[in-house]
Amino acid sequence: MSRMIDEGLFVDVHGVEQWITLRGEHRDNPVLLMIPGPGAGFSALAPYFESWERDYTLAQWDQPRAGFTLAKHGGADTQPYTFERLARDGIAVAEIICRRLGVRRIIVLGLSGGTIVALNLVKQRPDLFSAYVGTGQIVDWARQDAEGYRLLLRRARANNDTTMLTELEGIGPPPYKDTATDAIKSKYSGAPTADEQRVMATLFPVVFGRIMSPPHDAHYLAKGLALSDMRAAATAAYDAVREALIHFDARRLGLDFEVPMFCLQGAEDLMTVNDDVRDYVNELRAPHKELVLFEGCGHSAVFLRDAFLDKLNRHVRPALANAASSR
């Protein structure tokens, strides 16, 4: 694959050097900034999303306490770790990306906990963004968490899964007292579907093989730095923002948005349950809004790489053209 854009660099974000990557085949393609949940850095997964680079310039940002930003600083970054800080840093990163690529606006794609950050970005600085895309969309965490628990109990009973049922009944319905108890439920609510497992089994070995033995021109990897365990980093970051997350309600941000709003959801998502996402999208007031469901998918719909790309191209890109022509 021939890329016109292929960069990986540390940039100063409010006094902390943070890692970003920019990759794409054509400079006139839309720019797509992916924001995963706290503690998850996706820059090293560049080979997984390589097919997207034909249609988008992909921007990855390893947030504080994630990916190569964590690898560079370890515990030396003592700034408060909050969603407010992540949104402030995210705005600075979006500005840097726009300047570096010579564009006015970019698409932001929030994943799971990253949807909280991404919603704040488009709410605070709509001038920087051409569209919002959320997947694993958190709307009202308490409501989605409770409904997910109910649906999981029903599944365990229908499948006569005594282990799952015993564990779920043992912790009872949310809210829970700590991250460890949350993890028992999320083991089931975030479990990949059969379709997700099939795609991951095919692609992840290739990706991790290229992380372990990267090509010489792998600019998406920060030279001389070893990644920390992603699961441990995500758990630590989640623990830091947990209180804010479990009380998060997107409606408190307001329902008026100045950019097209999309939620691309796994139809079987039992973590960020779709009933509340559907209600939220219906309530939004935006230039364009849409809920798109992936049949056979759960909370990891974005990892159905090619199917997700198809949804981006068929739903999001036309809205970009319409928005541009109306300005």
C-alpha atoms as a PDB file:
ATOM      1  CA  MET A   1       0.000   0.000   0.000  1.00  0.00           C
ATOM      2  CA  SER A   2       1.362   3.396  -1.019  1.00  0.00           C
ATOM      3  CA  ARG A   3       0.716   6.153   1.510  1.00  0.00           C
ATOM      4  CA  MET A   4       0.981   9.866   0.946  1.00  0.00           C
ATOM      5  CA  ILE A   5       0.690  10.340   4.713  1.00  0.00           C
ATOM      6  CA  ASP A   6       2.582   8.142   7.157  1.00  0.00           C
ATOM      7  CA  GLU A   7       3.692   9.827  10.376  1.00  0.00           C
ATOM      8  CA  GLY A   8       4.145   8.973  14.018  1.00  0.00           C
ATOM      9  CA  LEU A   9       5.264  11.650  16.422  1.00  0.00           C
ATOM     10  CA  PHE A  10       5.048  12.994  19.950  1.00  0.00           C
ATOM     11  CA  VAL A  11       3.318  16.363  20.237  1.00  0.00           C
ATOM     12  CA  ASP A  12       3.121  18.705  23.205  1.00  0.00           C
ATOM     13  CA  VAL A  13      -0.380  18.675  24.663  1.00  0.00           C
ATOM     14  CA  HIS A  14      -0.692  20.994  27.642  1.00  0.00           C
ATOM     15  CA  GLY A  15       2.807  20.182  28.802  1.00  0.00           C
ATOM     16  CA  VAL A  16       2.729  16.414  28.214  1.00  0.00           C
ATOM     17  CA  GLU A  17       4.265  14.778  25.138  1.00  0.00           C
ATOM     18  CA  GLN A  18       1.552  12.573  23.598  1.00  0.00           C
ATOM     19  CA  TRP A  19       1.789  10.147  20.684  1.00  0.00           C
ATOM     20  CA  ILE A  20      -0.243  10.571  17.495  1.00  0.00           C
ATOM     21  CA  THR A  21      -0.101   8.799  14.147  1.00  0.00           C
ATOM     22  CA  LEU A  22      -1.411   9.927  10.748  1.00  0.00           C
ATOM     23  CA  ARG A  23      -1.805   7.422   7.907  1.00  0.00           C
ATOM     24  CA  GLY A  24      -3.595   7.597   4.587  1.00  0.00           C
ATOM     25  CA  GLU A  25      -3.296   7.143   0.823  1.00  0.00           C
ATOM     26  CA  HIS A  26      -4.792  10.438  -0.367  1.00  0.00           C
ATOM     27  CA  ARG A  27      -4.516  13.920   1.079  1.00  0.00           C
ATOM     28  CA  ASP A  28      -7.991  14.852  -0.135  1.00  0.00           C
ATOM     29  CA  ASN A  29      -9.663  12.080   1.889  1.00  0.00           C
ATOM     30  CA  PRO A  30     -11.595  12.945   5.063  1.00  0.00           C
ATOM     31  CA  VAL A  31      -9.583  12.733   8.282  1.00  0.00           C
ATOM     32  CA  LEU A  32     -10.904  10.320  10.901  1.00  0.00           C
ATOM     33  CA  LEU A  33      -9.701  10.589  14.513  1.00  0.00           C
ATOM     34  CA  MET A  34     -10.321   7.412  16.527  1.00  0.00           C
ATOM     35  CA  ILE A  35     -10.748   7.800  20.290  1.00  0.00           C
ATOM     36  CA  PRO A  36     -10.984   4.507  22.199  1.00  0.00           C
ATOM     37  CA  GLY A  37     -11.855   4.246  25.859  1.00  0.00           C
ATOM     38  CA  PRO A  38      -9.554   5.536  28.598  1.00  0.00           C
ATOM     39  CA  GLY A  39      -6.344   3.548  28.833  1.00  0.00           C
ATOM     40  CA  ALA A  40      -6.664   2.016  25.355  1.00  0.00           C
ATOM     41  CA  GLY A  41      -4.112   3.114  22.756  1.00  0.00           C
ATOM     42  CA  PHE A  42      -4.862   2.026  19.188  1.00  0.00           C
ATOM     43  CA  SER A  43      -1.850   3.454  17.358  1.00  0.00           C
ATOM     44  CA  ALA A  44      -0.043   0.093  17.452  1.00  0.00           C
ATOM     45  CA  LEU A  45      -3.097  -1.542  15.834  1.00  0.00           C
ATOM     46  CA  ALA A  46      -2.521   0.397  12.610  1.00  0.00           C
ATOM     47  CA  PRO A  47      -2.196  -2.785  10.492  1.00  0.00           C
ATOM     48  CA  TYR A  48      -5.660  -3.883  11.624  1.00  0.00           C
ATOM     49  CA  PHE A  49      -7.299  -0.770  10.164  1.00  0.00           C
ATOM     50  CA  GLU A  50      -4.989  -0.517   7.158  1.00  0.00           C
ATOM     51  CA  SER A  51      -7.822  -1.070   4.654  1.00  0.00           C
ATOM     52  CA  TRP A  52      -9.517   2.109   5.921  1.00  0.00           C
ATOM     53  CA  GLU A  53      -6.569   4.175   4.712  1.00  0.00           C
ATOM     54  CA  ARG A  54      -7.795   4.055   1.117  1.00  0.00           C
ATOM     55  CA  ASP A  55     -10.860   6.111   2.049  1.00  0.00           C
ATOM     56  CA  TYR A  56      -9.755   8.068   5.137  1.00  0.00           C
ATOM     57  CA  THR A  57      -6.663   9.576   6.656  1.00  0.00           C
ATOM     58  CA  LEU A  58      -6.604   7.768  10.004  1.00  0.00           C
ATOM     59  CA  ALA A  59      -5.454   9.720  13.043  1.00  0.00           C
ATOM     60  CA  GLN A  60      -4.710   7.773  16.202  1.00  0.00           C
ATOM     61  CA  TRP A  61      -4.096   9.466  19.537  1.00  0.00           C
ATOM     62  CA  ASP A  62      -2.617   7.551  22.449  1.00  0.00           C
ATOM     63  CA  GLN A  63      -4.268   9.432  25.281  1.00  0.00           C
ATOM     64  CA  PRO A  64      -2.629   9.988  28.670  1.00  0.00           C
ATOM     65  CA  ARG A  65      -2.147   6.650  30.450  1.00  0.00           C
ATOM     66  CA  ALA A  66      -2.482   4.766  27.148  1.00  0.00           C
ATOM     67  CA  GLY A  67      -0.258   3.294  24.461  1.00  0.00           C
ATOM     68  CA  PHE A  68       3.035   4.988  23.705  1.00  0.00           C
ATOM     69  CA  THR A  69       2.093   8.068  25.722  1.00  0.00           C
ATOM     70  CA  LEU A  70       1.998   5.839  28.790  1.00  0.00           C
ATOM     71  CA  ALA A  71       5.179   4.079  27.662  1.00  0.00           C
ATOM     72  CA  LYS A  72       7.009   7.411  27.473  1.00  0.00           C
ATOM     73  CA  HIS A  73       5.889   8.844  30.802  1.00  0.00           C
ATOM     74  CA  GLY A  74       4.878   5.929  33.017  1.00  0.00           C
ATOM     75  CA  GLY A  75       3.781   7.451  36.303  1.00  0.00           C
ATOM     76  CA  ALA A  76       5.505  10.786  35.661  1.00  0.00           C
ATOM     77  CA  ASP A  77       2.321  12.357  34.273  1.00  0.00           C
ATOM     78  CA  THR A  78       0.771  13.674  37.473  1.00  0.00           C
ATOM     79  CA  GLN A  79      -1.953  15.804  35.911  1.00  0.00           C
ATOM     80  CA  PRO A  80      -5.486  14.893  37.059  1.00  0.00           C
ATOM     81  CA  TYR A  81      -6.990  12.053  35.043  1.00  0.00           C
ATOM     82  CA  THR A  82     -10.587  12.999  34.269  1.00  0.00           C
ATOM     83  CA  PHE A  83     -12.932  13.088  31.291  1.00  0.00           C
ATOM     84  CA  GLU A  84     -12.611  16.869  31.412  1.00  0.00           C
ATOM     85  CA  ARG A  85      -8.832  16.581  31.012  1.00  0.00           C
ATOM     86  CA  LEU A  86      -9.207  14.073  28.159  1.00  0.00           C
ATOM     87  CA  ALA A  87     -11.651  16.373  26.353  1.00  0.00           C
ATOM     88  CA  ARG A  88      -9.349  19.363  26.810  1.00  0.00           C
ATOM     89  CA  ASP A  89      -6.409  17.357  25.480  1.00  0.00           C
ATOM     90  CA  GLY A  90      -8.540  15.949  22.657  1.00  0.00           C
ATOM     91  CA  ILE A  91      -9.402  19.440  21.443  1.00  0.00           C
ATOM     92  CA  ALA A  92      -5.707  20.342  21.408  1.00  0.00           C
ATOM     93  CA  VAL A  93      -4.927  17.154  19.473  1.00  0.00           C
ATOM     94  CA  ALA A  94      -7.673  17.903  16.925  1.00  0.00           C
ATOM     95  CA  GLU A  95      -6.222  21.389  16.426  1.00  0.00           C
ATOM     96  CA  ILE A  96      -2.746  19.924  15.895  1.00  0.00           C
ATOM     97  CA  ILE A  97      -4.063  17.403  13.369  1.00  0.00           C
ATOM     98  CA  CYS A  98      -5.957  20.087  11.439  1.00  0.00           C
ATOM     99  CA  ARG A  99      -2.872  22.301  11.270  1.00  0.00           C
ATOM    100  CA  ARG A 100      -0.560  19.458  10.312  1.00  0.00           C
ATOM    101  CA  LEU A 101      -2.801  18.188   7.516  1.00  0.00           C
ATOM    102  CA  GLY A 102      -4.079  21.587   6.389  1.00  0.00           C
ATOM    103  CA  VAL A 103      -7.765  20.800   6.957  1.00  0.00           C
ATOM    104  CA  ARG A 104     -10.505  22.721   8.750  1.00  0.00           C
ATOM    105  CA  ARG A 105     -12.521  19.851  10.177  1.00  0.00           C
ATOM    106  CA  ILE A 106     -12.163  16.159  10.964  1.00  0.00           C
ATOM    107  CA  ILE A 107     -14.488  13.280  11.812  1.00  0.00           C
ATOM    108  CA  VAL A 108     -14.268  11.966  15.356  1.00  0.00           C
ATOM    109  CA  LEU A 109     -15.003   8.307  16.058  1.00  0.00           C
ATOM    110  CA  GLY A 110     -15.527   7.488  19.735  1.00  0.00           C
ATOM    111  CA  LEU A 111     -15.401   3.885  20.934  1.00  0.00           C
ATOM    112  CA  SER A 112     -17.124   2.839  24.165  1.00  0.00           C
ATOM    113  CA  GLY A 113     -15.700   5.083  26.924  1.00  0.00           C
ATOM    114  CA  GLY A 114     -14.222   7.206  24.147  1.00  0.00           C
ATOM    115  CA  THR A 115     -17.764   8.259  23.197  1.00  0.00           C
ATOM    116  CA  ILE A 116     -17.867  10.394  26.360  1.00  0.00           C
ATOM    117  CA  VAL A 117     -14.724  12.228  25.278  1.00  0.00           C
ATOM    118  CA  ALA A 118     -15.849  12.505  21.651  1.00  0.00           C
ATOM    119  CA  LEU A 119     -19.282  13.901  22.579  1.00  0.00           C
ATOM    120  CA  ASN A 120     -17.580  16.592  24.639  1.00  0.00           C
ATOM    121  CA  LEU A 121     -15.292  17.451  21.720  1.00  0.00           C
ATOM    122  CA  VAL A 122     -18.082  18.093  19.226  1.00  0.00           C
ATOM    123  CA  LYS A 123     -20.158  19.884  21.847  1.00  0.00           C
ATOM    124  CA  GLN A 124     -17.351  22.236  22.890  1.00  0.00           C
ATOM    125  CA  ARG A 125     -15.694  22.798  19.503  1.00  0.00           C
ATOM    126  CA  PRO A 126     -18.070  22.011  16.623  1.00  0.00           C
ATOM    127  CA  ASP A 127     -15.911  24.168  14.340  1.00  0.00           C
ATOM    128  CA  LEU A 128     -13.213  21.460  14.438  1.00  0.00           C
ATOM    129  CA  PHE A 129     -15.433  18.531  13.450  1.00  0.00           C
ATOM    130  CA  SER A 130     -17.337  17.511  10.326  1.00  0.00           C
ATOM    131  CA  ALA A 131     -19.202  14.616  11.980  1.00  0.00           C
ATOM    132  CA  TYR A 132     -19.537  12.617  15.180  1.00  0.00           C
ATOM    133  CA  VAL A 133     -19.535   8.813  15.073  1.00  0.00           C
ATOM    134  CA  GLY A 134     -20.025   6.750  18.210  1.00  0.00           C
ATOM    135  CA  THR A 135     -19.884   2.971  18.583  1.00  0.00           C
ATOM    136  CA  GLY A 136     -20.493   1.241  21.884  1.00  0.00           C
ATOM    137  CA  GLN A 137     -22.299   4.497  22.620  1.00  0.00           C
ATOM    138  CA  ILE A 138     -22.599   5.433  26.281  1.00  0.00           C
ATOM    139  CA  VAL A 139     -25.764   7.476  26.827  1.00  0.00           C
ATOM    140  CA  ASP A 140     -27.009   6.925  30.378  1.00  0.00           C
ATOM    141  CA  TRP A 141     -24.590   4.453  31.893  1.00  0.00           C
ATOM    142  CA  ALA A 142     -26.733   3.568  34.910  1.00  0.00           C
ATOM    143  CA  ARG A 143     -29.750   2.805  32.728  1.00  0.00           C
ATOM    144  CA  GLN A 144     -27.754   0.862  30.109  1.00  0.00           C
ATOM    145  CA  ASP A 145     -25.900  -1.066  32.807  1.00  0.00           C
ATOM    146  CA  ALA A 146     -29.127  -2.131  34.510  1.00  0.00           C
ATOM    147  CA  GLU A 147     -30.817  -3.137  31.264  1.00  0.00           C
ATOM    148  CA  GLY A 148     -27.714  -5.050  30.171  1.00  0.00           C
ATOM    149  CA  TYR A 149     -27.789  -7.023  33.405  1.00  0.00           C
ATOM    150  CA  ARG A 150     -31.444  -7.926  32.861  1.00  0.00           C
ATOM    151  CA  LEU A 151     -30.755  -9.103  29.296  1.00  0.00           C
ATOM    152  CA  LEU A 152     -27.744 -11.129  30.412  1.00  0.00           C
ATOM    153  CA  LEU A 153     -29.791 -12.929  33.042  1.00  0.00           C
ATOM    154  CA  ARG A 154     -32.387 -13.758  30.400  1.00  0.00           C
ATOM    155  CA  ARG A 155     -29.673 -15.104  28.069  1.00  0.00           C
ATOM    156  CA  ALA A 156     -28.085 -17.207  30.811  1.00  0.00           C
ATOM    157  CA  ARG A 157     -31.444 -18.793  31.656  1.00  0.00           C
ATOM    158  CA  ALA A 158     -32.377 -19.356  28.012  1.00  0.00           C
ATOM    159  CA  ASN A 159     -29.020 -21.039  27.340  1.00  0.00           C
ATOM    160  CA  ASN A 160     -29.055 -22.936  30.643  1.00  0.00           C
ATOM    161  CA  ASP A 161     -25.620 -21.462  31.338  1.00  0.00           C
ATOM    162  CA  THR A 162     -25.337 -22.231  35.047  1.00  0.00           C
ATOM    163  CA  THR A 163     -21.847 -20.723  35.434  1.00  0.00           C
ATOM    164  CA  MET A 164     -22.921 -17.403  33.930  1.00  0.00           C
ATOM    165  CA  LEU A 165     -26.164 -17.389  35.906  1.00  0.00           C
ATOM    166  CA  THR A 166     -24.419 -18.157  39.195  1.00  0.00           C
ATOM    167  CA  GLU A 167     -21.879 -15.366  38.691  1.00  0.00           C
ATOM    168  CA  LEU A 168     -24.479 -12.799  37.672  1.00  0.00           C
ATOM    169  CA  GLU A 169     -26.857 -13.671  40.495  1.00  0.00           C
ATOM    170  CA  GLY A 170     -23.894 -13.614  42.869  1.00  0.00           C
ATOM    171  CA  ILE A 171     -23.099  -9.968  42.136  1.00  0.00           C
ATOM    172  CA  GLY A 172     -26.736  -8.910  41.767  1.00  0.00           C
ATOM    173  CA  PRO A 173     -27.915  -5.963  39.652  1.00  0.00           C
ATOM    174  CA  PRO A 174     -25.796  -2.808  39.299  1.00  0.00           C
ATOM    175  CA  PRO A 175     -24.600  -0.347  40.475  1.00  0.00           C
ATOM    176  CA  TYR A 176     -21.542  -2.137  41.832  1.00  0.00           C
ATOM    177  CA  LYS A 177     -19.111  -1.174  44.535  1.00  0.00           C
ATOM    178  CA  ASP A 178     -15.862  -1.453  42.598  1.00  0.00           C
ATOM    179  CA  THR A 179     -14.064  -2.139  39.324  1.00  0.00           C
ATOM    180  CA  ALA A 180     -13.533  -5.810  40.161  1.00  0.00           C
ATOM    181  CA  THR A 181     -17.279  -6.405  40.421  1.00  0.00           C
ATOM    182  CA  ASP A 182     -17.901  -4.420  37.221  1.00  0.00           C
ATOM    183  CA  ALA A 183     -15.447  -6.778  35.508  1.00  0.00           C
ATOM    184  CA  ILE A 184     -17.546  -9.832  36.348  1.00  0.00           C
ATOM    185  CA  LYS A 185     -20.533  -8.411  34.480  1.00  0.00           C
ATOM    186  CA  SER A 186     -18.477  -6.934  31.637  1.00  0.00           C
ATOM    187  CA  LYS A 187     -16.911 -10.369  31.040  1.00  0.00           C
ATOM    188  CA  TYR A 188     -20.324 -11.313  29.690  1.00  0.00           C
ATOM    189  CA  SER A 189     -21.733  -7.999  28.440  1.00  0.00           C
ATOM    190  CA  GLY A 190     -18.586  -7.261  26.423  1.00  0.00           C
ATOM    191  CA  ALA A 191     -17.959 -10.788  25.179  1.00  0.00           C
ATOM    192  CA  PRO A 192     -17.375 -10.873  21.400  1.00  0.00           C
ATOM    193  CA  THR A 193     -20.133 -12.403  19.296  1.00  0.00           C
ATOM    194  CA  ALA A 194     -19.411 -15.317  16.962  1.00  0.00           C
ATOM    195  CA  ASP A 195     -18.995 -12.907  14.020  1.00  0.00           C
ATOM    196  CA  GLU A 196     -16.615 -10.701  16.002  1.00  0.00           C
ATOM    197  CA  GLN A 197     -14.576 -13.700  17.161  1.00  0.00           C
ATOM    198  CA  ARG A 198     -14.264 -14.986  13.604  1.00  0.00           C
ATOM    199  CA  VAL A 199     -12.889 -11.696  12.262  1.00  0.00           C
ATOM    200  CA  MET A 200     -10.567 -11.146  15.232  1.00  0.00           C
ATOM    201  CA  ALA A 201      -9.172 -14.677  14.936  1.00  0.00           C
ATOM    202  CA  THR A 202      -8.236 -13.956  11.325  1.00  0.00           C
ATOM    203  CA  LEU A 203      -6.781 -10.475  11.718  1.00  0.00           C
ATOM    204  CA  PHE A 204      -5.276 -10.208  15.208  1.00  0.00           C
ATOM    205  CA  PRO A 205      -2.459 -12.728  14.615  1.00  0.00           C
ATOM    206  CA  VAL A 206      -1.303 -10.642  11.659  1.00  0.00           C
ATOM    207  CA  VAL A 207      -1.458  -7.423  13.674  1.00  0.00           C
ATOM    208  CA  PHE A 208       0.389  -8.750  16.697  1.00  0.00           C
ATOM    209  CA  GLY A 209       2.937 -10.445  14.487  1.00  0.00           C
ATOM    210  CA  ARG A 210       3.742  -7.047  13.005  1.00  0.00           C
ATOM    211  CA  ILE A 211       3.976  -5.512  16.486  1.00  0.00           C
ATOM    212  CA  MET A 212       6.453  -8.173  17.600  1.00  0.00           C
ATOM    213  CA  SER A 213       8.427  -8.036  14.329  1.00  0.00           C
ATOM    214  CA  PRO A 214       7.610  -4.626  12.838  1.00  0.00           C
ATOM    215  CA  PRO A 215       8.716  -3.607   9.362  1.00  0.00           C
ATOM    216  CA  HIS A 216      11.587  -1.102   9.291  1.00  0.00           C
ATOM    217  CA  ASP A 217       9.267   1.704   8.189  1.00  0.00           C
ATOM    218  CA  ALA A 218       6.616   1.173  10.911  1.00  0.00           C
ATOM    219  CA  HIS A 219       6.170   4.831  11.785  1.00  0.00           C
ATOM    220  CA  TYR A 220       3.094   3.995  13.859  1.00  0.00           C
ATOM    221  CA  LEU A 221       5.359   2.485  16.535  1.00  0.00           C
ATOM    222  CA  ALA A 222       7.371   4.826  18.781  1.00  0.00           C
ATOM    223  CA  LYS A 223      10.972   3.725  18.470  1.00  0.00           C
ATOM    224  CA  GLY A 224      12.688   2.533  21.619  1.00  0.00           C
ATOM    225  CA  LEU A 225       9.514   2.282  23.691  1.00  0.00           C
ATOM    226  CA  ALA A 226       7.805  -0.922  24.794  1.00  0.00           C
ATOM    227  CA  LEU A 227       4.049  -0.951  25.183  1.00  0.00           C
ATOM    228  CA  SER A 228       2.548  -1.691  28.564  1.00  0.00           C
ATOM    229  CA  ASP A 229      -0.125  -4.364  28.880  1.00  0.00           C
ATOM    230  CA  MET A 230      -3.222  -2.803  27.286  1.00  0.00           C
ATOM    231  CA  ARG A 231      -5.666  -4.603  29.559  1.00  0.00           C
ATOM    232  CA  ALA A 232      -3.845  -3.463  32.707  1.00  0.00           C
ATOM    233  CA  ALA A 233      -3.617   0.114  31.403  1.00  0.00           C
ATOM    234  CA  ALA A 234      -7.310   0.171  30.506  1.00  0.00           C
ATOM    235  CA  THR A 235      -8.272  -1.227  33.932  1.00  0.00           C
ATOM    236  CA  ALA A 236      -6.199   1.398  35.757  1.00  0.00           C
ATOM    237  CA  ALA A 237      -7.607   4.222  33.637  1.00  0.00           C
ATOM    238  CA  TYR A 238     -11.156   2.930  34.036  1.00  0.00           C
ATOM    239  CA  ASP A 239     -10.705   2.822  37.785  1.00  0.00           C
ATOM    240  CA  ALA A 240      -9.634   6.488  37.742  1.00  0.00           C
ATOM    241  CA  VAL A 241     -12.710   7.697  35.800  1.00  0.00           C
ATOM    242  CA  ARG A 242     -15.161   5.087  37.081  1.00  0.00           C
ATOM    243  CA  GLU A 243     -17.131   7.382  39.361  1.00  0.00           C
ATOM    244  CA  ALA A 244     -17.716   9.895  36.563  1.00  0.00           C
ATOM    245  CA  LEU A 245     -18.592   7.158  34.072  1.00  0.00           C
ATOM    246  CA  ILE A 246     -21.218   5.409  36.193  1.00  0.00           C
ATOM    247  CA  HIS A 247     -22.988   8.740  36.703  1.00  0.00           C
ATOM    248  CA  PHE A 248     -22.647   9.893  33.095  1.00  0.00           C
ATOM    249  CA  ASP A 249     -25.781  10.944  31.226  1.00  0.00           C
ATOM    250  CA  ALA A 250     -25.163  12.331  27.742  1.00  0.00           C
ATOM    251  CA  ARG A 251     -28.403  14.298  27.871  1.00  0.00           C
ATOM    252  CA  ARG A 252     -26.847  16.622  30.442  1.00  0.00           C
ATOM    253  CA  LEU A 253     -24.528  17.902  27.701  1.00  0.00           C
ATOM    254  CA  GLY A 254     -27.624  19.159  25.849  1.00  0.00           C
ATOM    255  CA  LEU A 255     -29.411  17.691  22.852  1.00  0.00           C
ATOM    256  CA  ASP A 256     -28.461  20.355  20.300  1.00  0.00           C
ATOM    257  CA  PHE A 257     -25.426  19.586  18.131  1.00  0.00           C
ATOM    258  CA  GLU A 258     -24.037  21.484  15.171  1.00  0.00           C
ATOM    259  CA  VAL A 259     -22.533  18.485  13.379  1.00  0.00           C
ATOM    260  CA  PRO A 260     -24.050  15.302  11.874  1.00  0.00           C
ATOM    261  CA  MET A 261     -24.428  12.660  14.578  1.00  0.00           C
ATOM    262  CA  PHE A 262     -24.110   8.907  13.960  1.00  0.00           C
ATOM    263  CA  CYS A 263     -24.249   5.906  16.258  1.00  0.00           C
ATOM    264  CA  LEU A 264     -23.005   2.685  14.630  1.00  0.00           C
ATOM    265  CA  GLN A 265     -23.999  -0.009  17.090  1.00  0.00           C
ATOM    266  CA  GLY A 266     -23.766  -3.750  17.394  1.00  0.00           C
ATOM    267  CA  ALA A 267     -27.355  -5.014  17.421  1.00  0.00           C
ATOM    268  CA  GLU A 268     -26.407  -7.457  20.201  1.00  0.00           C
ATOM    269  CA  ASP A 269     -24.509  -4.947  22.355  1.00  0.00           C
ATOM    270  CA  LEU A 270     -25.277  -5.898  25.952  1.00  0.00           C
ATOM    271  CA  MET A 271     -22.897  -3.354  27.480  1.00  0.00           C
ATOM    272  CA  THR A 272     -24.146  -0.113  25.919  1.00  0.00           C
ATOM    273  CA  VAL A 273     -27.663  -1.350  25.311  1.00  0.00           C
ATOM    274  CA  ASN A 274     -29.363   0.003  22.211  1.00  0.00           C
ATOM    275  CA  ASP A 275     -32.798   0.911  23.577  1.00  0.00           C
ATOM    276  CA  ASP A 276     -31.351   3.998  25.251  1.00  0.00           C
ATOM    277  CA  VAL A 277     -29.136   4.774  22.245  1.00  0.00           C
ATOM    278  CA  ARG A 278     -32.215   4.703  19.992  1.00  0.00           C
ATOM    279  CA  ASP A 279     -34.116   7.043  22.317  1.00  0.00           C
ATOM    280  CA  TYR A 280     -31.134   9.391  22.512  1.00  0.00           C
ATOM    281  CA  VAL A 281     -30.696   9.600  18.750  1.00  0.00           C
ATOM    282  CA  ASN A 282     -34.420  10.330  18.371  1.00  0.00           C
ATOM    283  CA  GLU A 283     -34.123  13.166  20.882  1.00  0.00           C
ATOM    284  CA  LEU A 284     -31.063  14.785  19.282  1.00  0.00           C
ATOM    285  CA  ARG A 285     -31.372  17.958  17.268  1.00  0.00           C
ATOM    286  CA  ALA A 286     -28.602  18.000  14.652  1.00  0.00           C
ATOM    287  CA  PRO A 287     -28.088  18.679  10.912  1.00  0.00           C
ATOM    288  CA  HIS A 288     -28.307  14.906  10.425  1.00  0.00           C
ATOM    289  CA  LYS A 289     -28.703  12.014  12.862  1.00  0.00           C
ATOM    290  CA  GLU A 290     -28.761   8.290  12.388  1.00  0.00           C
ATOM    291  CA  LEU A 291     -28.614   5.020  14.303  1.00  0.00           C
ATOM    292  CA  VAL A 292     -27.121   2.168  12.258  1.00  0.00           C
ATOM    293  CA  LEU A 293     -27.180  -1.393  13.637  1.00  0.00           C
ATOM    294  CA  PHE A 294     -24.779  -4.257  12.826  1.00  0.00           C
ATOM    295  CA  GLU A 295     -26.566  -7.579  12.937  1.00  0.00           C
ATOM    296  CA  GLY A 296     -24.554 -10.302  14.655  1.00  0.00           C
ATOM    297  CA  CYS A 297     -22.359  -7.766  16.461  1.00  0.00           C
ATOM    298  CA  GLY A 298     -22.016  -6.751  20.071  1.00  0.00           C
ATOM    299  CA  HIS A 299     -19.866  -4.152  21.815  1.00  0.00           C
ATOM    300  CA  SER A 300     -16.879  -4.745  19.496  1.00  0.00           C
ATOM    301  CA  ALA A 301     -18.539  -3.817  16.194  1.00  0.00           C
ATOM    302  CA  VAL A 302     -15.596  -1.631  15.143  1.00  0.00           C
ATOM    303  CA  PHE A 303     -13.415  -4.753  14.899  1.00  0.00           C
ATOM    304  CA  LEU A 304     -15.572  -6.005  12.048  1.00  0.00           C
ATOM    305  CA  ARG A 305     -13.190  -3.858  10.111  1.00  0.00           C
ATOM    306  CA  ASP A 306     -14.527  -4.066   6.564  1.00  0.00           C
ATOM    307  CA  ALA A 307     -18.201  -4.074   7.543  1.00  0.00           C
ATOM    308  CA  PHE A 308     -17.622  -1.010   9.716  1.00  0.00           C
ATOM    309  CA  LEU A 309     -15.795   0.741   6.889  1.00  0.00           C
ATOM    310  CA  ASP A 310     -18.747   0.012   4.603  1.00  0.00           C
ATOM    311  CA  LYS A 311     -21.110   1.655   7.093  1.00  0.00           C
ATOM    312  CA  LEU A 312     -18.847   4.704   7.341  1.00  0.00           C
ATOM    313  CA  ASN A 313     -18.824   5.067   3.571  1.00  0.00           C
ATOM    314  CA  ARG A 314     -22.535   4.467   3.046  1.00  0.00           C
ATOM    315  CA  HIS A 315     -23.846   6.575   5.924  1.00  0.00           C
ATOM    316  CA  VAL A 316     -21.273   9.094   7.141  1.00  0.00           C
ATOM    317  CA  ARG A 317     -19.543  10.226   3.933  1.00  0.00           C
ATOM    318  CA  PRO A 318     -22.757  11.375   2.183  1.00  0.00           C
ATOM    319  CA  ALA A 319     -23.568  13.545   5.205  1.00  0.00           C
ATOM    320  CA  LEU A 320     -20.128  15.157   4.955  1.00  0.00           C
ATOM    321  CA  ALA A 321     -20.804  16.123   1.346  1.00  0.00           C
ATOM    322  CA  ASN A 322     -24.241  17.499   2.214  1.00  0.00           C
ATOM    323  CA  ALA A 323     -22.877  19.500   5.141  1.00  0.00           C
ATOM    324  CA  ALA A 324     -20.065  20.940   2.997  1.00  0.00           C
ATOM    325  CA  SER A 325     -22.472  22.027   0.265  1.00  0.00           C
ATOM    326  CA  SER A 326     -24.731  23.788   2.779  1.00  0.00           C
ATOM    327  CA  ARG A 327     -21.915  25.873   4.290  1.00  0.00           C
END
